Amino acid sequence: FTKAILEGRSIDVFNHGNMERDFTYIDDIVEGLYR
């Protein structure tokens, strides 16, 4: 998405946008792994 938006291209949004994701930031993942 970031690449396309910055380049002025359209993005494909699947399921007509009716998607939900439990997005998890990498630092939070690494903290869990470390523990």
Full PDB file with SEQRES, HELIX, SHEET, SSBOND, CRYST1, ORIGX, SCALE, CONECT and MASTER records, all heavy atoms in Angstrom:
SEQRES   1 A   35  PHE THR LYS ALA ILE LEU GLU GLY ARG SER ILE ASP VAL          
SEQRES   2 A   35  PHE ASN HIS GLY ASN MET GLU ARG ASP PHE THR TYR ILE          
SEQRES   3 A   35  ASP ASP ILE VAL GLU GLY LEU TYR ARG                          
HELIX    1 AA1 THR A    2  LEU A    6  1                                   5    
HELIX    2 AA2 PHE A   14  GLY A   17  5                                   4    
HELIX    3 AA3 ILE A   26  TYR A   34  1                                   9    
CRYST1    1.000    1.000    1.000  90.00  90.00  90.00 P 1           1          
ORIGX1      1.000000  0.000000  0.000000        0.00000                         
ORIGX2      0.000000  1.000000  0.000000        0.00000                         
ORIGX3      0.000000  0.000000  1.000000        0.00000                         
SCALE1      1.000000  0.000000  0.000000        0.00000                         
SCALE2      0.000000  1.000000  0.000000        0.00000                         
SCALE3      0.000000  0.000000  1.000000        0.00000                         
ATOM      1  N   PHE A   1       0.826  -1.201   0.000  1.00  0.00           N  
ATOM      2  CA  PHE A   1       0.000   0.000   0.000  1.00  0.00           C  
ATOM      3  C   PHE A   1       0.868   1.262   0.000  1.00  0.00           C  
ATOM      4  O   PHE A   1       0.620   2.205  -0.749  1.00  0.00           O  
ATOM      5  CB  PHE A   1      -0.930   0.012   1.212  1.00  0.00           C  
ATOM      6  CG  PHE A   1      -2.042  -1.008   1.154  1.00  0.00           C  
ATOM      7  CD1 PHE A   1      -2.750  -1.348   2.308  1.00  0.00           C  
ATOM      8  CD2 PHE A   1      -2.401  -1.622  -0.031  1.00  0.00           C  
ATOM      9  CE1 PHE A   1      -3.775  -2.279   2.267  1.00  0.00           C  
ATOM     10  CE2 PHE A   1      -3.428  -2.554  -0.085  1.00  0.00           C  
ATOM     11  CZ  PHE A   1      -4.119  -2.887   1.073  1.00  0.00           C  
ATOM     12  N   THR A   2       1.863   1.292   0.866  1.00  0.00           N  
ATOM     13  CA  THR A   2       2.721   2.474   0.973  1.00  0.00           C  
ATOM     14  C   THR A   2       3.421   2.757  -0.346  1.00  0.00           C  
ATOM     15  O   THR A   2       3.454   3.897  -0.822  1.00  0.00           O  
ATOM     16  CB  THR A   2       3.758   2.281   2.097  1.00  0.00           C  
ATOM     17  OG1 THR A   2       3.075   2.125   3.348  1.00  0.00           O  
ATOM     18  CG2 THR A   2       4.697   3.470   2.183  1.00  0.00           C  
ATOM     19  N   LYS A   3       3.979   1.726  -0.940  1.00  0.00           N  
ATOM     20  CA  LYS A   3       4.697   1.885  -2.212  1.00  0.00           C  
ATOM     21  C   LYS A   3       3.772   2.442  -3.289  1.00  0.00           C  
ATOM     22  O   LYS A   3       4.117   3.412  -3.986  1.00  0.00           O  
ATOM     23  CB  LYS A   3       5.276   0.535  -2.656  1.00  0.00           C  
ATOM     24  CG  LYS A   3       6.167   0.592  -3.900  1.00  0.00           C  
ATOM     25  CD  LYS A   3       6.790  -0.777  -4.163  1.00  0.00           C  
ATOM     26  CE  LYS A   3       7.868  -0.711  -5.229  1.00  0.00           C  
ATOM     27  NZ  LYS A   3       7.389  -0.282  -6.547  1.00  0.00           N  
ATOM     28  N   ALA A   4       2.595   1.856  -3.411  1.00  0.00           N  
ATOM     29  CA  ALA A   4       1.662   2.295  -4.452  1.00  0.00           C  
ATOM     30  C   ALA A   4       1.172   3.718  -4.205  1.00  0.00           C  
ATOM     31  O   ALA A   4       1.110   4.534  -5.137  1.00  0.00           O  
ATOM     32  CB  ALA A   4       0.478   1.328  -4.515  1.00  0.00           C  
ATOM     33  N   ILE A   5       0.828   4.025  -2.976  1.00  0.00           N  
ATOM     34  CA  ILE A   5       0.301   5.366  -2.651  1.00  0.00           C  
ATOM     35  C   ILE A   5       1.365   6.433  -2.917  1.00  0.00           C  
ATOM     36  O   ILE A   5       1.076   7.481  -3.503  1.00  0.00           O  
ATOM     37  CB  ILE A   5      -0.187   5.410  -1.190  1.00  0.00           C  
ATOM     38  CG1 ILE A   5      -1.461   4.560  -1.039  1.00  0.00           C  
ATOM     39  CG2 ILE A   5      -0.451   6.848  -0.739  1.00  0.00           C  
ATOM     40  CD1 ILE A   5      -1.882   4.334   0.402  1.00  0.00           C  
ATOM     41  N   LEU A   6       2.599   6.180  -2.507  1.00  0.00           N  
ATOM     42  CA  LEU A   6       3.671   7.157  -2.724  1.00  0.00           C  
ATOM     43  C   LEU A   6       3.988   7.329  -4.207  1.00  0.00           C  
ATOM     44  O   LEU A   6       4.429   8.396  -4.637  1.00  0.00           O  
ATOM     45  CB  LEU A   6       4.929   6.748  -1.960  1.00  0.00           C  
ATOM     46  CG  LEU A   6       4.869   6.894  -0.442  1.00  0.00           C  
ATOM     47  CD1 LEU A   6       6.122   6.329   0.213  1.00  0.00           C  
ATOM     48  CD2 LEU A   6       4.689   8.359  -0.033  1.00  0.00           C  
ATOM     49  N   GLU A   7       3.756   6.262  -4.988  1.00  0.00           N  
ATOM     50  CA  GLU A   7       4.027   6.335  -6.429  1.00  0.00           C  
ATOM     51  C   GLU A   7       2.816   6.787  -7.229  1.00  0.00           C  
ATOM     52  O   GLU A   7       2.862   6.847  -8.459  1.00  0.00           O  
ATOM     53  CB  GLU A   7       4.505   4.967  -6.935  1.00  0.00           C  
ATOM     54  CG  GLU A   7       5.867   4.568  -6.375  1.00  0.00           C  
ATOM     55  CD  GLU A   7       6.282   3.158  -6.782  1.00  0.00           C  
ATOM     56  OE1 GLU A   7       5.485   2.475  -7.471  1.00  0.00           O  
ATOM     57  OE2 GLU A   7       7.399   2.744  -6.410  1.00  0.00           O  
ATOM     58  N   GLY A   8       1.698   7.082  -6.525  1.00  0.00           N  
ATOM     59  CA  GLY A   8       0.505   7.566  -7.198  1.00  0.00           C  
ATOM     60  C   GLY A   8      -0.265   6.501  -7.948  1.00  0.00           C  
ATOM     61  O   GLY A   8      -1.069   6.804  -8.841  1.00  0.00           O  
ATOM     62  N   ARG A   9      -0.054   5.223  -7.571  1.00  0.00           N  
ATOM     63  CA  ARG A   9      -0.773   4.119  -8.200  1.00  0.00           C  
ATOM     64  C   ARG A   9      -1.941   3.677  -7.313  1.00  0.00           C  
ATOM     65  O   ARG A   9      -1.947   3.933  -6.118  1.00  0.00           O  
ATOM     66  CB  ARG A   9       0.168   2.946  -8.463  1.00  0.00           C  
ATOM     67  CG  ARG A   9       1.259   3.245  -9.491  1.00  0.00           C  
ATOM     68  CD  ARG A   9       2.120   2.011  -9.769  1.00  0.00           C  
ATOM     69  NE  ARG A   9       2.953   1.664  -8.611  1.00  0.00           N  
ATOM     70  CZ  ARG A   9       2.740   0.634  -7.817  1.00  0.00           C  
ATOM     71  NH1 ARG A   9       1.678  -0.149  -8.004  1.00  0.00           N  
ATOM     72  NH2 ARG A   9       3.553   0.373  -6.812  1.00  0.00           N  
ATOM     73  N   SER A  10      -2.908   3.000  -7.909  1.00  0.00           N  
ATOM     74  CA  SER A  10      -4.049   2.507  -7.141  1.00  0.00           C  
ATOM     75  C   SER A  10      -3.653   1.267  -6.344  1.00  0.00           C  
ATOM     76  O   SER A  10      -2.660   0.595  -6.648  1.00  0.00           O  
ATOM     77  CB  SER A  10      -5.215   2.180  -8.069  1.00  0.00           C  
ATOM     78  OG  SER A  10      -4.846   1.193  -9.010  1.00  0.00           O  
ATOM     79  N   ILE A  11      -4.434   0.957  -5.312  1.00  0.00           N  
ATOM     80  CA  ILE A  11      -4.190  -0.230  -4.493  1.00  0.00           C  
ATOM     81  C   ILE A  11      -5.379  -1.180  -4.596  1.00  0.00           C  
ATOM     82  O   ILE A  11      -6.520  -0.749  -4.732  1.00  0.00           O  
ATOM     83  CB  ILE A  11      -3.937   0.143  -3.007  1.00  0.00           C  
ATOM     84  CG1 ILE A  11      -5.152   0.846  -2.401  1.00  0.00           C  
ATOM     85  CG2 ILE A  11      -2.693   1.013  -2.879  1.00  0.00           C  
ATOM     86  CD1 ILE A  11      -5.041   1.108  -0.906  1.00  0.00           C  
ATOM     87  N   ASP A  12      -5.092  -2.479  -4.553  1.00  0.00           N  
ATOM     88  CA  ASP A  12      -6.144  -3.489  -4.562  1.00  0.00           C  
ATOM     89  C   ASP A  12      -6.584  -3.761  -3.127  1.00  0.00           C  
ATOM     90  O   ASP A  12      -5.775  -4.150  -2.279  1.00  0.00           O  
ATOM     91  CB  ASP A  12      -5.644  -4.787  -5.198  1.00  0.00           C  
ATOM     92  CG  ASP A  12      -5.369  -4.641  -6.686  1.00  0.00           C  
ATOM     93  OD1 ASP A  12      -5.970  -3.745  -7.310  1.00  0.00           O  
ATOM     94  OD2 ASP A  12      -4.548  -5.417  -7.225  1.00  0.00           O  
ATOM     95  N   VAL A  13      -7.868  -3.541  -2.868  1.00  0.00           N  
ATOM     96  CA  VAL A  13      -8.433  -3.746  -1.532  1.00  0.00           C  
ATOM     97  C   VAL A  13      -9.409  -4.918  -1.620  1.00  0.00           C  
ATOM     98  O   VAL A  13     -10.479  -4.805  -2.224  1.00  0.00           O  
ATOM     99  CB  VAL A  13      -9.146  -2.475  -1.030  1.00  0.00           C  
ATOM    100  CG1 VAL A  13      -9.703  -2.691   0.371  1.00  0.00           C  
ATOM    101  CG2 VAL A  13      -8.188  -1.285  -1.048  1.00  0.00           C  
ATOM    102  N   PHE A  14      -9.038  -6.041  -1.021  1.00  0.00           N  
ATOM    103  CA  PHE A  14      -9.801  -7.271  -1.208  1.00  0.00           C  
ATOM    104  C   PHE A  14     -10.996  -7.377  -0.260  1.00  0.00           C  
ATOM    105  O   PHE A  14     -11.058  -6.700   0.759  1.00  0.00           O  
ATOM    106  CB  PHE A  14      -8.873  -8.474  -1.066  1.00  0.00           C  
ATOM    107  CG  PHE A  14      -7.851  -8.542  -2.175  1.00  0.00           C  
ATOM    108  CD1 PHE A  14      -6.555  -8.085  -1.980  1.00  0.00           C  
ATOM    109  CD2 PHE A  14      -8.203  -9.030  -3.419  1.00  0.00           C  
ATOM    110  CE1 PHE A  14      -5.626  -8.121  -3.007  1.00  0.00           C  
ATOM    111  CE2 PHE A  14      -7.286  -9.073  -4.461  1.00  0.00           C  
ATOM    112  CZ  PHE A  14      -5.986  -8.616  -4.255  1.00  0.00           C  
ATOM    113  N   ASN A  15     -11.920  -8.234  -0.646  1.00  0.00           N  
ATOM    114  CA  ASN A  15     -13.193  -8.410   0.053  1.00  0.00           C  
ATOM    115  C   ASN A  15     -13.935  -7.078   0.170  1.00  0.00           C  
ATOM    116  O   ASN A  15     -14.650  -6.833   1.143  1.00  0.00           O  
ATOM    117  CB  ASN A  15     -12.991  -9.045   1.435  1.00  0.00           C  
ATOM    118  CG  ASN A  15     -14.244  -9.711   1.960  1.00  0.00           C  
ATOM    119  OD1 ASN A  15     -15.060 -10.213   1.206  1.00  0.00           O  
ATOM    120  ND2 ASN A  15     -14.396  -9.711   3.276  1.00  0.00           N  
ATOM    121  N   HIS A  16     -13.699  -6.214  -0.829  1.00  0.00           N  
ATOM    122  CA  HIS A  16     -14.355  -4.894  -0.897  1.00  0.00           C  
ATOM    123  C   HIS A  16     -14.101  -4.070   0.380  1.00  0.00           C  
ATOM    124  O   HIS A  16     -14.931  -3.246   0.776  1.00  0.00           O  
ATOM    125  CB  HIS A  16     -15.855  -5.056  -1.158  1.00  0.00           C  
ATOM    126  CG  HIS A  16     -16.147  -5.858  -2.393  1.00  0.00           C  
ATOM    127  ND1 HIS A  16     -16.023  -5.353  -3.663  1.00  0.00           N  
ATOM    128  CD2 HIS A  16     -16.518  -7.162  -2.549  1.00  0.00           C  
ATOM    129  CE1 HIS A  16     -16.320  -6.282  -4.551  1.00  0.00           C  
ATOM    130  NE2 HIS A  16     -16.628  -7.397  -3.903  1.00  0.00           N  
ATOM    131  N   GLY A  17     -12.960  -4.317   0.992  1.00  0.00           N  
ATOM    132  CA  GLY A  17     -12.582  -3.567   2.194  1.00  0.00           C  
ATOM    133  C   GLY A  17     -13.122  -4.136   3.484  1.00  0.00           C  
ATOM    134  O   GLY A  17     -12.797  -3.637   4.572  1.00  0.00           O  
ATOM    135  N   ASN A  18     -13.952  -5.183   3.389  1.00  0.00           N  
ATOM    136  CA  ASN A  18     -14.544  -5.765   4.605  1.00  0.00           C  
ATOM    137  C   ASN A  18     -13.601  -6.812   5.223  1.00  0.00           C  
ATOM    138  O   ASN A  18     -13.931  -7.989   5.356  1.00  0.00           O  
ATOM    139  CB  ASN A  18     -15.897  -6.405   4.266  1.00  0.00           C  
ATOM    140  CG  ASN A  18     -16.898  -5.376   3.776  1.00  0.00           C  
ATOM    141  OD1 ASN A  18     -17.042  -4.312   4.382  1.00  0.00           O  
ATOM    142  ND2 ASN A  18     -17.581  -5.683   2.690  1.00  0.00           N  
ATOM    143  N   MET A  19     -12.427  -6.346   5.560  1.00  0.00           N  
ATOM    144  CA  MET A  19     -11.397  -7.191   6.171  1.00  0.00           C  
ATOM    145  C   MET A  19     -10.971  -6.557   7.492  1.00  0.00           C  
ATOM    146  O   MET A  19     -10.947  -5.329   7.627  1.00  0.00           O  
ATOM    147  CB  MET A  19     -10.170  -7.305   5.256  1.00  0.00           C  
ATOM    148  CG  MET A  19     -10.461  -7.783   3.852  1.00  0.00           C  
ATOM    149  SD  MET A  19     -10.606  -9.565   3.756  1.00  0.00           S  
ATOM    150  CE  MET A  19      -8.910 -10.035   3.541  1.00  0.00           C  
ATOM    151  N   GLU A  20     -10.626  -7.408   8.447  1.00  0.00           N  
ATOM    152  CA  GLU A  20     -10.054  -6.936   9.707  1.00  0.00           C  
ATOM    153  C   GLU A  20      -8.839  -7.787  10.030  1.00  0.00           C  
ATOM    154  O   GLU A  20      -8.859  -9.005   9.852  1.00  0.00           O  
ATOM    155  CB  GLU A  20     -11.070  -7.016  10.847  1.00  0.00           C  
ATOM    156  CG  GLU A  20     -12.248  -6.067  10.687  1.00  0.00           C  
ATOM    157  CD  GLU A  20     -13.186  -6.112  11.889  1.00  0.00           C  
ATOM    158  OE1 GLU A  20     -12.704  -6.016  13.027  1.00  0.00           O  
ATOM    159  OE2 GLU A  20     -14.403  -6.251  11.672  1.00  0.00           O  
ATOM    160  N   ARG A  21      -7.787  -7.129  10.505  1.00  0.00           N  
ATOM    161  CA  ARG A  21      -6.570  -7.830  10.849  1.00  0.00           C  
ATOM    162  C   ARG A  21      -6.064  -7.369  12.209  1.00  0.00           C  
ATOM    163  O   ARG A  21      -6.159  -6.188  12.561  1.00  0.00           O  
ATOM    164  CB  ARG A  21      -5.477  -7.580   9.797  1.00  0.00           C  
ATOM    165  CG  ARG A  21      -5.708  -8.291   8.470  1.00  0.00           C  
ATOM    166  CD  ARG A  21      -5.531  -9.781   8.604  1.00  0.00           C  
ATOM    167  NE  ARG A  21      -5.744 -10.505   7.358  1.00  0.00           N  
ATOM    168  CZ  ARG A  21      -6.910 -10.998   6.974  1.00  0.00           C  
ATOM    169  NH1 ARG A  21      -7.987 -10.814   7.730  1.00  0.00           N  
ATOM    170  NH2 ARG A  21      -7.015 -11.676   5.839  1.00  0.00           N  
ATOM    171  N   ASP A  22      -5.504  -8.323  12.942  1.00  0.00           N  
ATOM    172  CA  ASP A  22      -4.903  -8.016  14.245  1.00  0.00           C  
ATOM    173  C   ASP A  22      -3.445  -7.635  14.000  1.00  0.00           C  
ATOM    174  O   ASP A  22      -2.522  -8.396  14.292  1.00  0.00           O  
ATOM    175  CB  ASP A  22      -5.018  -9.240  15.166  1.00  0.00           C  
ATOM    176  CG  ASP A  22      -4.959  -8.854  16.633  1.00  0.00           C  
ATOM    177  OD1 ASP A  22      -4.428  -7.777  16.933  1.00  0.00           O  
ATOM    178  OD2 ASP A  22      -5.432  -9.634  17.477  1.00  0.00           O  
ATOM    179  N   PHE A  23      -3.242  -6.449  13.423  1.00  0.00           N  
ATOM    180  CA  PHE A  23      -1.896  -5.983  13.077  1.00  0.00           C  
ATOM    181  C   PHE A  23      -1.036  -5.858  14.335  1.00  0.00           C  
ATOM    182  O   PHE A  23      -1.446  -5.248  15.321  1.00  0.00           O  
ATOM    183  CB  PHE A  23      -1.971  -4.620  12.383  1.00  0.00           C  
ATOM    184  CG  PHE A  23      -2.642  -4.652  11.037  1.00  0.00           C  
ATOM    185  CD1 PHE A  23      -3.952  -4.232  10.895  1.00  0.00           C  
ATOM    186  CD2 PHE A  23      -1.965  -5.100   9.915  1.00  0.00           C  
ATOM    187  CE1 PHE A  23      -4.583  -4.248   9.653  1.00  0.00           C  
ATOM    188  CE2 PHE A  23      -2.579  -5.124   8.667  1.00  0.00           C  
ATOM    189  CZ  PHE A  23      -3.892  -4.701   8.539  1.00  0.00           C  
ATOM    190  N   THR A  24       0.183  -6.430  14.280  1.00  0.00           N  
ATOM    191  CA  THR A  24       1.061  -6.466  15.449  1.00  0.00           C  
ATOM    192  C   THR A  24       2.422  -5.893  15.085  1.00  0.00           C  
ATOM    193  O   THR A  24       3.090  -6.386  14.158  1.00  0.00           O  
ATOM    194  CB  THR A  24       1.225  -7.905  15.971  1.00  0.00           C  
ATOM    195  OG1 THR A  24      -0.059  -8.542  16.009  1.00  0.00           O  
ATOM    196  CG2 THR A  24       1.839  -7.900  17.365  1.00  0.00           C  
ATOM    197  N   TYR A  25       2.846  -4.876  15.818  1.00  0.00           N  
ATOM    198  CA  TYR A  25       4.102  -4.189  15.499  1.00  0.00           C  
ATOM    199  C   TYR A  25       5.300  -5.065  15.855  1.00  0.00           C  
ATOM    200  O   TYR A  25       5.291  -5.789  16.855  1.00  0.00           O  
ATOM    201  CB  TYR A  25       4.164  -2.854  16.250  1.00  0.00           C  
ATOM    202  CG  TYR A  25       5.312  -1.982  15.818  1.00  0.00           C  
ATOM    203  CD1 TYR A  25       5.354  -1.437  14.536  1.00  0.00           C  
ATOM    204  CD2 TYR A  25       6.371  -1.705  16.688  1.00  0.00           C  
ATOM    205  CE1 TYR A  25       6.404  -0.629  14.138  1.00  0.00           C  
ATOM    206  CE2 TYR A  25       7.427  -0.903  16.295  1.00  0.00           C  
ATOM    207  CZ  TYR A  25       7.436  -0.366  15.016  1.00  0.00           C  
ATOM    208  OH  TYR A  25       8.488   0.425  14.620  1.00  0.00           O  
ATOM    209  N   ILE A  26       6.339  -4.979  15.047  1.00  0.00           N  
ATOM    210  CA  ILE A  26       7.491  -5.861  15.164  1.00  0.00           C  
ATOM    211  C   ILE A  26       8.162  -5.808  16.545  1.00  0.00           C  
ATOM    212  O   ILE A  26       8.569  -6.846  17.081  1.00  0.00           O  
ATOM    213  CB  ILE A  26       8.526  -5.564  14.044  1.00  0.00           C  
ATOM    214  CG1 ILE A  26       9.700  -6.543  14.105  1.00  0.00           C  
ATOM    215  CG2 ILE A  26       8.992  -4.120  14.104  1.00  0.00           C  
ATOM    216  CD1 ILE A  26       9.328  -7.989  13.908  1.00  0.00           C  
ATOM    217  N   ASP A  27       8.263  -4.648  17.160  1.00  0.00           N  
ATOM    218  CA  ASP A  27       8.913  -4.565  18.477  1.00  0.00           C  
ATOM    219  C   ASP A  27       8.132  -5.350  19.534  1.00  0.00           C  
ATOM    220  O   ASP A  27       8.727  -5.936  20.448  1.00  0.00           O  
ATOM    221  CB  ASP A  27       9.049  -3.106  18.923  1.00  0.00           C  
ATOM    222  CG  ASP A  27      10.087  -2.341  18.121  1.00  0.00           C  
ATOM    223  OD1 ASP A  27      10.722  -2.954  17.239  1.00  0.00           O  
ATOM    224  OD2 ASP A  27      10.258  -1.125  18.373  1.00  0.00           O  
ATOM    225  N   ASP A  28       6.810  -5.362  19.413  1.00  0.00           N  
ATOM    226  CA  ASP A  28       5.986  -6.128  20.347  1.00  0.00           C  
ATOM    227  C   ASP A  28       6.187  -7.628  20.132  1.00  0.00           C  
ATOM    228  O   ASP A  28       6.199  -8.410  21.087  1.00  0.00           O  
ATOM    229  CB  ASP A  28       4.511  -5.761  20.182  1.00  0.00           C  
ATOM    230  CG  ASP A  28       4.220  -4.322  20.592  1.00  0.00           C  
ATOM    231  OD1 ASP A  28       4.875  -3.838  21.531  1.00  0.00           O  
ATOM    232  OD2 ASP A  28       3.347  -3.697  19.972  1.00  0.00           O  
ATOM    233  N   ILE A  29       6.350  -8.040  18.885  1.00  0.00           N  
ATOM    234  CA  ILE A  29       6.626  -9.441  18.573  1.00  0.00           C  
ATOM    235  C   ILE A  29       7.966  -9.861  19.176  1.00  0.00           C  
ATOM    236  O   ILE A  29       8.085 -10.911  19.829  1.00  0.00           O  
ATOM    237  CB  ILE A  29       6.638  -9.663  17.049  1.00  0.00           C  
ATOM    238  CG1 ILE A  29       5.223  -9.508  16.463  1.00  0.00           C  
ATOM    239  CG2 ILE A  29       7.254 -11.014  16.700  1.00  0.00           C  
ATOM    240  CD1 ILE A  29       4.289 -10.646  16.769  1.00  0.00           C  
ATOM    241  N   VAL A  30       8.987  -9.050  18.960  1.00  0.00           N  
ATOM    242  CA  VAL A  30      10.330  -9.387  19.444  1.00  0.00           C  
ATOM    243  C   VAL A  30      10.356  -9.446  20.966  1.00  0.00           C  
ATOM    244  O   VAL A  30      11.028 -10.310  21.559  1.00  0.00           O  
ATOM    245  CB  VAL A  30      11.366  -8.386  18.898  1.00  0.00           C  
ATOM    246  CG1 VAL A  30      12.714  -8.539  19.596  1.00  0.00           C  
ATOM    247  CG2 VAL A  30      11.538  -8.579  17.393  1.00  0.00           C  
ATOM    248  N   GLU A  31       9.619  -8.571  21.616  1.00  0.00           N  
ATOM    249  CA  GLU A  31       9.562  -8.605  23.081  1.00  0.00           C  
ATOM    250  C   GLU A  31       8.979  -9.932  23.565  1.00  0.00           C  
ATOM    251  O   GLU A  31       9.489 -10.534  24.521  1.00  0.00           O  
ATOM    252  CB  GLU A  31       8.727  -7.438  23.602  1.00  0.00           C  
ATOM    253  CG  GLU A  31       8.584  -7.389  25.122  1.00  0.00           C  
ATOM    254  CD  GLU A  31       9.896  -7.223  25.858  1.00  0.00           C  
ATOM    255  OE1 GLU A  31      10.826  -6.601  25.305  1.00  0.00           O  
ATOM    256  OE2 GLU A  31       9.987  -7.731  27.000  1.00  0.00           O  
ATOM    257  N   GLY A  32       7.926 -10.400  22.901  1.00  0.00           N  
ATOM    258  CA  GLY A  32       7.351 -11.686  23.265  1.00  0.00           C  
ATOM    259  C   GLY A  32       8.323 -12.830  23.033  1.00  0.00           C  
ATOM    260  O   GLY A  32       8.478 -13.721  23.880  1.00  0.00           O  
ATOM    261  N   LEU A  33       8.995 -12.817  21.887  1.00  0.00           N  
ATOM    262  CA  LEU A  33       9.986 -13.846  21.587  1.00  0.00           C  
ATOM    263  C   LEU A  33      11.092 -13.867  22.640  1.00  0.00           C  
ATOM    264  O   LEU A  33      11.500 -14.936  23.113  1.00  0.00           O  
ATOM    265  CB  LEU A  33      10.593 -13.599  20.207  1.00  0.00           C  
ATOM    266  CG  LEU A  33       9.739 -13.944  18.991  1.00  0.00           C  
ATOM    267  CD1 LEU A  33      10.318 -13.320  17.729  1.00  0.00           C  
ATOM    268  CD2 LEU A  33       9.626 -15.444  18.821  1.00  0.00           C  
ATOM    269  N   TYR A  34      11.567 -12.686  22.998  1.00  0.00           N  
ATOM    270  CA  TYR A  34      12.671 -12.593  23.945  1.00  0.00           C  
ATOM    271  C   TYR A  34      12.282 -13.170  25.307  1.00  0.00           C  
ATOM    272  O   TYR A  34      13.052 -13.900  25.933  1.00  0.00           O  
ATOM    273  CB  TYR A  34      13.117 -11.136  24.091  1.00  0.00           C  
ATOM    274  CG  TYR A  34      14.271 -10.972  25.047  1.00  0.00           C  
ATOM    275  CD1 TYR A  34      15.559 -11.350  24.672  1.00  0.00           C  
ATOM    276  CD2 TYR A  34      14.073 -10.474  26.323  1.00  0.00           C  
ATOM    277  CE1 TYR A  34      16.620 -11.226  25.547  1.00  0.00           C  
ATOM    278  CE2 TYR A  34      15.131 -10.350  27.211  1.00  0.00           C  
ATOM    279  CZ  TYR A  34      16.401 -10.720  26.813  1.00  0.00           C  
ATOM    280  OH  TYR A  34      17.453 -10.612  27.688  1.00  0.00           O  
ATOM    281  N   ARG A  35      11.089 -12.861  25.762  1.00  0.00           N  
ATOM    282  CA  ARG A  35      10.639 -13.376  27.064  1.00  0.00           C  
ATOM    283  C   ARG A  35      10.532 -14.898  27.065  1.00  0.00           C  
ATOM    284  O   ARG A  35      10.882 -15.559  28.050  1.00  0.00           O  
ATOM    285  CB  ARG A  35       9.299 -12.744  27.445  1.00  0.00           C  
ATOM    286  CG  ARG A  35       9.388 -11.258  27.702  1.00  0.00           C  
ATOM    287  CD  ARG A  35       8.088 -10.679  28.201  1.00  0.00           C  
ATOM    288  NE  ARG A  35       8.175  -9.229  28.299  1.00  0.00           N  
ATOM    289  CZ  ARG A  35       7.368  -8.469  29.032  1.00  0.00           C  
ATOM    290  NH1 ARG A  35       6.395  -9.040  29.747  1.00  0.00           N  
ATOM    291  NH2 ARG A  35       7.507  -7.169  29.061  1.00  0.00           N  
TER     292      ARG A  35                                                      
MASTER        0    0    0    3    0    0    0    6  291    1    0    3          
END                                                                             
